[in-house]
PDB file of N, CA and C in Angstrom:
ATOM      1  N   UNK A   1     139.119-175.014  46.024  1.00  0.00           N
ATOM      2  CA  UNK A   1     139.200-173.668  46.281  1.00  0.00           C
ATOM      3  C   UNK A   1     138.099-173.012  45.811  1.00  0.00           C
ATOM      4  N   UNK A   2     137.781-172.052  46.579  1.00  0.00           N
ATOM      5  CA  UNK A   2     136.380-171.126  46.296  1.00  0.00           C
ATOM      6  C   UNK A   2     136.945-170.189  45.109  1.00  0.00           C
ATOM      7  N   UNK A   3     136.034-170.255  43.965  1.00  0.00           N
ATOM      8  CA  UNK A   3     136.357-169.178  42.915  1.00  0.00           C
ATOM      9  C   UNK A   3     135.643-167.884  43.180  1.00  0.00           C
ATOM     10  N   UNK A   4     136.458-166.892  42.894  1.00  0.00           N
ATOM     11  CA  UNK A   4     135.919-165.559  43.176  1.00  0.00           C
ATOM     12  C   UNK A   4     136.172-164.555  42.158  1.00  0.00           C
ATOM     13  N   UNK A   5     135.554-163.408  41.959  1.00  0.00           N
ATOM     14  CA  UNK A   5     135.737-162.269  40.900  1.00  0.00           C
ATOM     15  C   UNK A   5     136.833-161.515  41.285  1.00  0.00           C
ATOM     16  N   UNK A   6     137.201-160.735  40.224  1.00  0.00           N
ATOM     17  CA  UNK A   6     138.228-159.622  40.820  1.00  0.00           C
ATOM     18  C   UNK A   6     137.820-158.667  41.739  1.00  0.00           C
ATOM     19  N   UNK A   7     136.421-158.390  41.601  1.00  0.00           N
ATOM     20  CA  UNK A   7     135.836-157.520  42.678  1.00  0.00           C
ATOM     21  C   UNK A   7     135.728-157.976  43.899  1.00  0.00           C
ATOM     22  N   UNK A   8     135.480-159.290  44.090  1.00  0.00           N
ATOM     23  CA  UNK A   8     135.276-159.958  45.491  1.00  0.00           C
ATOM     24  C   UNK A   8     136.802-159.907  46.018  1.00  0.00           C
ATOM     25  N   UNK A   9     137.662-160.301  45.184  1.00  0.00           N
ATOM     26  CA  UNK A   9     139.196-160.369  45.598  1.00  0.00           C
ATOM     27  C   UNK A   9     139.730-159.083  46.091  1.00  0.00           C
ATOM     28  N   UNK A  10     139.143-157.841  45.428  1.00  0.00           N
ATOM     29  CA  UNK A  10     139.714-156.564  46.005  1.00  0.00           C
ATOM     30  C   UNK A  10     139.129-156.482  47.310  1.00  0.00           C
ATOM     31  N   UNK A  11     137.917-156.874  47.720  1.00  0.00           N
ATOM     32  CA  UNK A  11     137.306-156.533  48.923  1.00  0.00           C
ATOM     33  C   UNK A  11     138.236-157.367  50.012  1.00  0.00           C
ATOM     34  N   UNK A  12     138.498-158.607  49.588  1.00  0.00           N
ATOM     35  CA  UNK A  12     139.284-159.476  50.352  1.00  0.00           C
ATOM     36  C   UNK A  12     140.755-158.767  50.738  1.00  0.00           C
ATOM     37  N   UNK A  13     141.418-158.458  49.712  1.00  0.00           N
ATOM     38  CA  UNK A  13     142.698-157.533  49.905  1.00  0.00           C
ATOM     39  C   UNK A  13     142.378-156.429  50.832  1.00  0.00           C
ATOM     40  N   UNK A  14     141.361-155.564  50.543  1.00  0.00           N
ATOM     41  CA  UNK A  14     141.246-154.494  51.653  1.00  0.00           C
ATOM     42  C   UNK A  14     140.945-154.906  52.981  1.00  0.00           C
ATOM     43  N   UNK A  15     140.220-155.934  53.284  1.00  0.00           N
ATOM     44  CA  UNK A  15     140.253-156.590  54.590  1.00  0.00           C
ATOM     45  C   UNK A  15     141.458-156.658  55.028  1.00  0.00           C
ATOM     46  N   UNK A  16     142.197-157.119  54.446  1.00  0.00           N
ATOM     47  CA  UNK A  16     143.510-157.645  55.061  1.00  0.00           C
ATOM     48  C   UNK A  16     144.703-156.553  55.040  1.00  0.00           C
ATOM     49  N   UNK A  17     144.466-155.296  54.849  1.00  0.00           N
ATOM     50  CA  UNK A  17     145.413-154.343  55.149  1.00  0.00           C
ATOM     51  C   UNK A  17     145.879-153.681  53.656  1.00  0.00           C
ATOM     52  N   UNK A  18     145.420-154.483  52.332  1.00  0.00           N
ATOM     53  CA  UNK A  18     146.063-153.694  51.132  1.00  0.00           C
ATOM     54  C   UNK A  18     145.228-152.644  50.907  1.00  0.00           C
ATOM     55  N   UNK A  19     145.834-151.626  50.188  1.00  0.00           N
ATOM     56  CA  UNK A  19     145.473-150.453  49.955  1.00  0.00           C
ATOM     57  C   UNK A  19     145.409-150.033  48.491  1.00  0.00           C
ATOM     58  N   UNK A  20     144.267-149.563  47.883  1.00  0.00           N
ATOM     59  CA  UNK A  20     144.327-149.335  46.315  1.00  0.00           C
ATOM     60  C   UNK A  20     145.219-148.161  46.127  1.00  0.00           C
ATOM     61  N   UNK A  21     146.421-148.228  45.285  1.00  0.00           N
ATOM     62  CA  UNK A  21     147.153-147.259  45.031  1.00  0.00           C
ATOM     63  C   UNK A  21     146.628-146.576  43.732  1.00  0.00           C
ATOM     64  N   UNK A  22     146.349-147.452  42.716  1.00  0.00           N
ATOM     65  CA  UNK A  22     145.862-146.569  41.346  1.00  0.00           C
ATOM     66  C   UNK A  22     145.050-147.576  40.613  1.00  0.00           C
ATOM     67  N   UNK A  23     144.589-146.989  39.637  1.00  0.00           N
ATOM     68  CA  UNK A  23     143.733-147.898  38.632  1.00  0.00           C
ATOM     69  C   UNK A  23     144.194-147.499  37.239  1.00  0.00           C
ATOM     70  N   UNK A  24     144.715-148.669  36.764  1.00  0.00           N
ATOM     71  CA  UNK A  24     145.314-148.546  35.449  1.00  0.00           C
ATOM     72  C   UNK A  24     144.665-149.481  34.428  1.00  0.00           C
ATOM     73  N   UNK A  25     143.613-148.892  33.581  1.00  0.00           N
ATOM     74  CA  UNK A  25     142.664-149.681  32.886  1.00  0.00           C
ATOM     75  C   UNK A  25     141.900-150.803  33.494  1.00  0.00           C
ATOM     76  N   UNK A  26     141.947-151.773  33.296  1.00  0.00           N
ATOM     77  CA  UNK A  26     141.234-152.850  34.090  1.00  0.00           C
ATOM     78  C   UNK A  26     141.888-153.339  35.321  1.00  0.00           C
ATOM     79  N   UNK A  27     143.220-153.123  35.375  1.00  0.00           N
ATOM     80  CA  UNK A  27     144.012-153.553  36.772  1.00  0.00           C
ATOM     81  C   UNK A  27     143.860-152.674  37.720  1.00  0.00           C
ATOM     82  N   UNK A  28     143.487-152.945  39.086  1.00  0.00           N
ATOM     83  CA  UNK A  28     143.595-152.295  40.304  1.00  0.00           C
ATOM     84  C   UNK A  28     144.604-152.608  40.965  1.00  0.00           C
ATOM     85  N   UNK A  29     145.833-151.684  41.181  1.00  0.00           N
ATOM     86  CA  UNK A  29     147.030-152.131  41.751  1.00  0.00           C
ATOM     87  C   UNK A  29     147.034-151.606  43.283  1.00  0.00           C
ATOM     88  N   UNK A  30     147.370-152.759  43.907  1.00  0.00           N
ATOM     89  CA  UNK A  30     147.242-152.641  45.483  1.00  0.00           C
ATOM     90  C   UNK A  30     148.719-152.790  46.057  1.00  0.00           C
ATOM     91  N   UNK A  31     148.915-151.955  47.239  1.00  0.00           N
ATOM     92  CA  UNK A  31     150.286-152.247  47.897  1.00  0.00           C
ATOM     93  C   UNK A  31     149.706-152.192  49.582  1.00  0.00           C
ATOM     94  N   UNK A  32     150.827-152.426  50.147  1.00  0.00           N
ATOM     95  CA  UNK A  32     150.711-152.599  51.680  1.00  0.00           C
ATOM     96  C   UNK A  32     151.925-152.017  52.337  1.00  0.00           C
ATOM     97  N   UNK A  33     151.674-151.324  53.350  1.00  0.00           N
ATOM     98  CA  UNK A  33     152.744-150.797  54.328  1.00  0.00           C
ATOM     99  C   UNK A  33     153.570-151.606  54.652  1.00  0.00           C
ATOM    100  N   UNK A  34     155.009-151.151  54.388  1.00  0.00           N
ATOM    101  CA  UNK A  34     156.021-152.142  54.627  1.00  0.00           C
ATOM    102  C   UNK A  34     156.464-153.366  53.890  1.00  0.00           C
ATOM    103  N   UNK A  35     155.759-153.382  52.633  1.00  0.00           N
ATOM    104  CA  UNK A  35     155.905-154.446  51.803  1.00  0.00           C
ATOM    105  C   UNK A  35     156.235-153.776  50.427  1.00  0.00           C
ATOM    106  N   UNK A  36     157.291-154.598  49.717  1.00  0.00           N
ATOM    107  CA  UNK A  36     157.544-153.975  48.370  1.00  0.00           C
ATOM    108  C   UNK A  36     156.688-154.776  47.175  1.00  0.00           C
ATOM    109  N   UNK A  37     155.926-155.574  47.567  1.00  0.00           N
ATOM    110  CA  UNK A  37     154.956-156.330  46.743  1.00  0.00           C
ATOM    111  C   UNK A  37     153.778-155.350  46.191  1.00  0.00           C
ATOM    112  N   UNK A  38     153.694-155.499  44.827  1.00  0.00           N
ATOM    113  CA  UNK A  38     152.239-154.686  44.248  1.00  0.00           C
ATOM    114  C   UNK A  38     151.636-155.920  43.717  1.00  0.00           C
ATOM    115  N   UNK A  39     150.302-155.763  43.863  1.00  0.00           N
ATOM    116  CA  UNK A  39     149.380-156.705  43.385  1.00  0.00           C
ATOM    117  C   UNK A  39     148.499-155.946  42.227  1.00  0.00           C
ATOM    118  N   UNK A  40     148.716-156.782  41.275  1.00  0.00           N
ATOM    119  CA  UNK A  40     147.671-156.221  39.968  1.00  0.00           C
ATOM    120  C   UNK A  40     146.688-156.969  39.833  1.00  0.00           C
ATOM    121  N   UNK A  41     145.355-156.497  40.378  1.00  0.00           N
ATOM    122  CA  UNK A  41     144.186-157.268  40.219  1.00  0.00           C
ATOM    123  C   UNK A  41     143.451-156.969  39.050  1.00  0.00           C
ATOM    124  N   UNK A  42     143.007-157.892  38.234  1.00  0.00           N
ATOM    125  CA  UNK A  42     142.295-157.576  37.015  1.00  0.00           C
ATOM    126  C   UNK A  42     140.840-157.413  37.533  1.00  0.00           C
ATOM    127  N   UNK A  43     140.131-156.714  36.941  1.00  0.00           N
ATOM    128  CA  UNK A  43     138.722-156.611  37.412  1.00  0.00           C
ATOM    129  C   UNK A  43     137.930-156.555  35.885  1.00  0.00           C
ATOM    130  N   UNK A  44     137.382-157.705  35.663  1.00  0.00           N
ATOM    131  CA  UNK A  44     136.698-158.028  34.218  1.00  0.00           C
ATOM    132  C   UNK A  44     135.185-158.348  34.635  1.00  0.00           C
ATOM    133  N   UNK A  45     134.508-157.103  35.209  1.00  0.00           N
ATOM    134  CA  UNK A  45     133.006-157.386  35.580  1.00  0.00           C
ATOM    135  C   UNK A  45     132.956-158.287  36.594  1.00  0.00           C
ATOM    136  N   UNK A  46     132.065-159.405  36.459  1.00  0.00           N
ATOM    137  CA  UNK A  46     131.942-160.210  37.610  1.00  0.00           C
ATOM    138  C   UNK A  46     132.393-161.529  37.051  1.00  0.00           C
ATOM    139  N   UNK A  47     133.284-161.668  36.040  1.00  0.00           N
ATOM    140  CA  UNK A  47     133.899-162.938  35.825  1.00  0.00           C
ATOM    141  C   UNK A  47     134.952-163.391  36.876  1.00  0.00           C
ATOM    142  N   UNK A  48     134.749-164.746  37.082  1.00  0.00           N
ATOM    143  CA  UNK A  48     135.785-165.299  38.112  1.00  0.00           C
ATOM    144  C   UNK A  48     137.005-165.331  37.572  1.00  0.00           C
ATOM    145  N   UNK A  49     138.166-165.266  38.531  1.00  0.00           N
ATOM    146  CA  UNK A  49     139.480-165.189  38.236  1.00  0.00           C
ATOM    147  C   UNK A  49     139.930-166.795  38.061  1.00  0.00           C
ATOM    148  N   UNK A  50     140.937-166.837  37.038  1.00  0.00           N
ATOM    149  CA  UNK A  50     141.430-168.229  36.858  1.00  0.00           C
ATOM    150  C   UNK A  50     142.167-168.815  38.292  1.00  0.00           C
ATOM    151  N   UNK A  51     142.082-169.981  38.349  1.00  0.00           N
ATOM    152  CA  UNK A  51     142.687-170.690  39.643  1.00  0.00           C
ATOM    153  C   UNK A  51     144.105-170.200  39.819  1.00  0.00           C
ATOM    154  N   UNK A  52     145.039-170.592  38.658  1.00  0.00           N
ATOM    155  CA  UNK A  52     146.363-170.292  38.869  1.00  0.00           C
ATOM    156  C   UNK A  52     146.546-168.810  39.256  1.00  0.00           C
ATOM    157  N   UNK A  53     145.975-167.822  38.636  1.00  0.00           N
ATOM    158  CA  UNK A  53     146.123-166.361  38.965  1.00  0.00           C
ATOM    159  C   UNK A  53     145.876-166.395  40.445  1.00  0.00           C
ATOM    160  N   UNK A  54     144.606-166.895  40.622  1.00  0.00           N
ATOM    161  CA  UNK A  54     144.170-166.580  42.163  1.00  0.00           C
ATOM    162  C   UNK A  54     145.009-167.264  43.149  1.00  0.00           C
ATOM    163  N   UNK A  55     145.504-168.369  42.912  1.00  0.00           N
ATOM    164  CA  UNK A  55     146.610-168.966  43.858  1.00  0.00           C
ATOM    165  C   UNK A  55     147.720-168.086  43.954  1.00  0.00           C
ATOM    166  N   UNK A  56     148.370-167.644  42.782  1.00  0.00           N
ATOM    167  CA  UNK A  56     149.553-166.838  42.778  1.00  0.00           C
ATOM    168  C   UNK A  56     149.446-165.582  43.447  1.00  0.00           C
ATOM    169  N   UNK A  57     148.175-165.022  43.384  1.00  0.00           N
ATOM    170  CA  UNK A  57     148.065-163.587  44.123  1.00  0.00           C
ATOM    171  C   UNK A  57     147.815-163.820  45.703  1.00  0.00           C
ATOM    172  N   UNK A  58     147.055-165.005  45.847  1.00  0.00           N
ATOM    173  CA  UNK A  58     147.083-165.214  47.388  1.00  0.00           C
ATOM    174  C   UNK A  58     148.410-165.629  47.952  1.00  0.00           C
ATOM    175  N   UNK A  59     149.237-166.119  47.190  1.00  0.00           N
ATOM    176  CA  UNK A  59     150.619-166.561  47.705  1.00  0.00           C
ATOM    177  C   UNK A  59     151.336-165.272  48.065  1.00  0.00           C
ATOM    178  N   UNK A  60     151.310-164.345  47.028  1.00  0.00           N
ATOM    179  CA  UNK A  60     151.965-163.137  47.142  1.00  0.00           C
ATOM    180  C   UNK A  60     151.519-162.280  48.157  1.00  0.00           C
ATOM    181  N   UNK A  61     150.221-162.153  48.542  1.00  0.00           N
ATOM    182  CA  UNK A  61     149.541-161.292  49.459  1.00  0.00           C
ATOM    183  C   UNK A  61     149.548-162.039  50.756  1.00  0.00           C
ATOM    184  N   UNK A  62     150.337-163.373  51.044  1.00  0.00           N
ATOM    185  CA  UNK A  62     150.270-164.166  52.210  1.00  0.00           C
ATOM    186  C   UNK A  62     148.603-164.236  52.761  1.00  0.00           C
ATOM    187  N   UNK A  63     147.810-164.736  52.071  1.00  0.00           N
ATOM    188  CA  UNK A  63     146.445-165.197  52.145  1.00  0.00           C
ATOM    189  C   UNK A  63     146.400-166.749  52.136  1.00  0.00           C
ATOM    190  N   UNK A  64     145.343-167.034  53.059  1.00  0.00           N
ATOM    191  CA  UNK A  64     144.926-168.423  52.873  1.00  0.00           C
ATOM    192  C   UNK A  64     143.496-168.677  52.520  1.00  0.00           C
ATOM    193  N   UNK A  65     143.063-169.837  52.340  1.00  0.00           N
ATOM    194  CA  UNK A  65     141.701-170.079  51.584  1.00  0.00           C
ATOM    195  C   UNK A  65     140.573-169.601  52.732  1.00  0.00           C
ATOM    196  N   UNK A  66     140.984-169.523  53.812  1.00  0.00           N
ATOM    197  CA  UNK A  66     140.091-169.182  54.786  1.00  0.00           C
ATOM    198  C   UNK A  66     139.636-167.522  54.695  1.00  0.00           C
ATOM    199  N   UNK A  67     140.763-166.891  54.238  1.00  0.00           N
ATOM    200  CA  UNK A  67     140.491-165.422  54.049  1.00  0.00           C
ATOM    201  C   UNK A  67     139.502-165.138  53.002  1.00  0.00           C
ATOM    202  N   UNK A  68     139.197-166.096  52.212  1.00  0.00           N
ATOM    203  CA  UNK A  68     138.039-165.855  50.960  1.00  0.00           C
ATOM    204  C   UNK A  68     136.842-166.046  51.469  1.00  0.00           C
TER     205      UNK A  68
END
């Protein structure tokens, strides 16, 4: 799986219909119309996200590796 930073993952979320609801410290909180799921995307500069966190967030957002 391709490793991405929090900033890059935010762009992927926005391309797939997720909307930035608010920013709380380093976490960008995303929501989607018709979904109760809230994604808390950590933005740590250009550091890459850990694989476990990335996989879990992709699962919650119904994204595949091709979306990255």
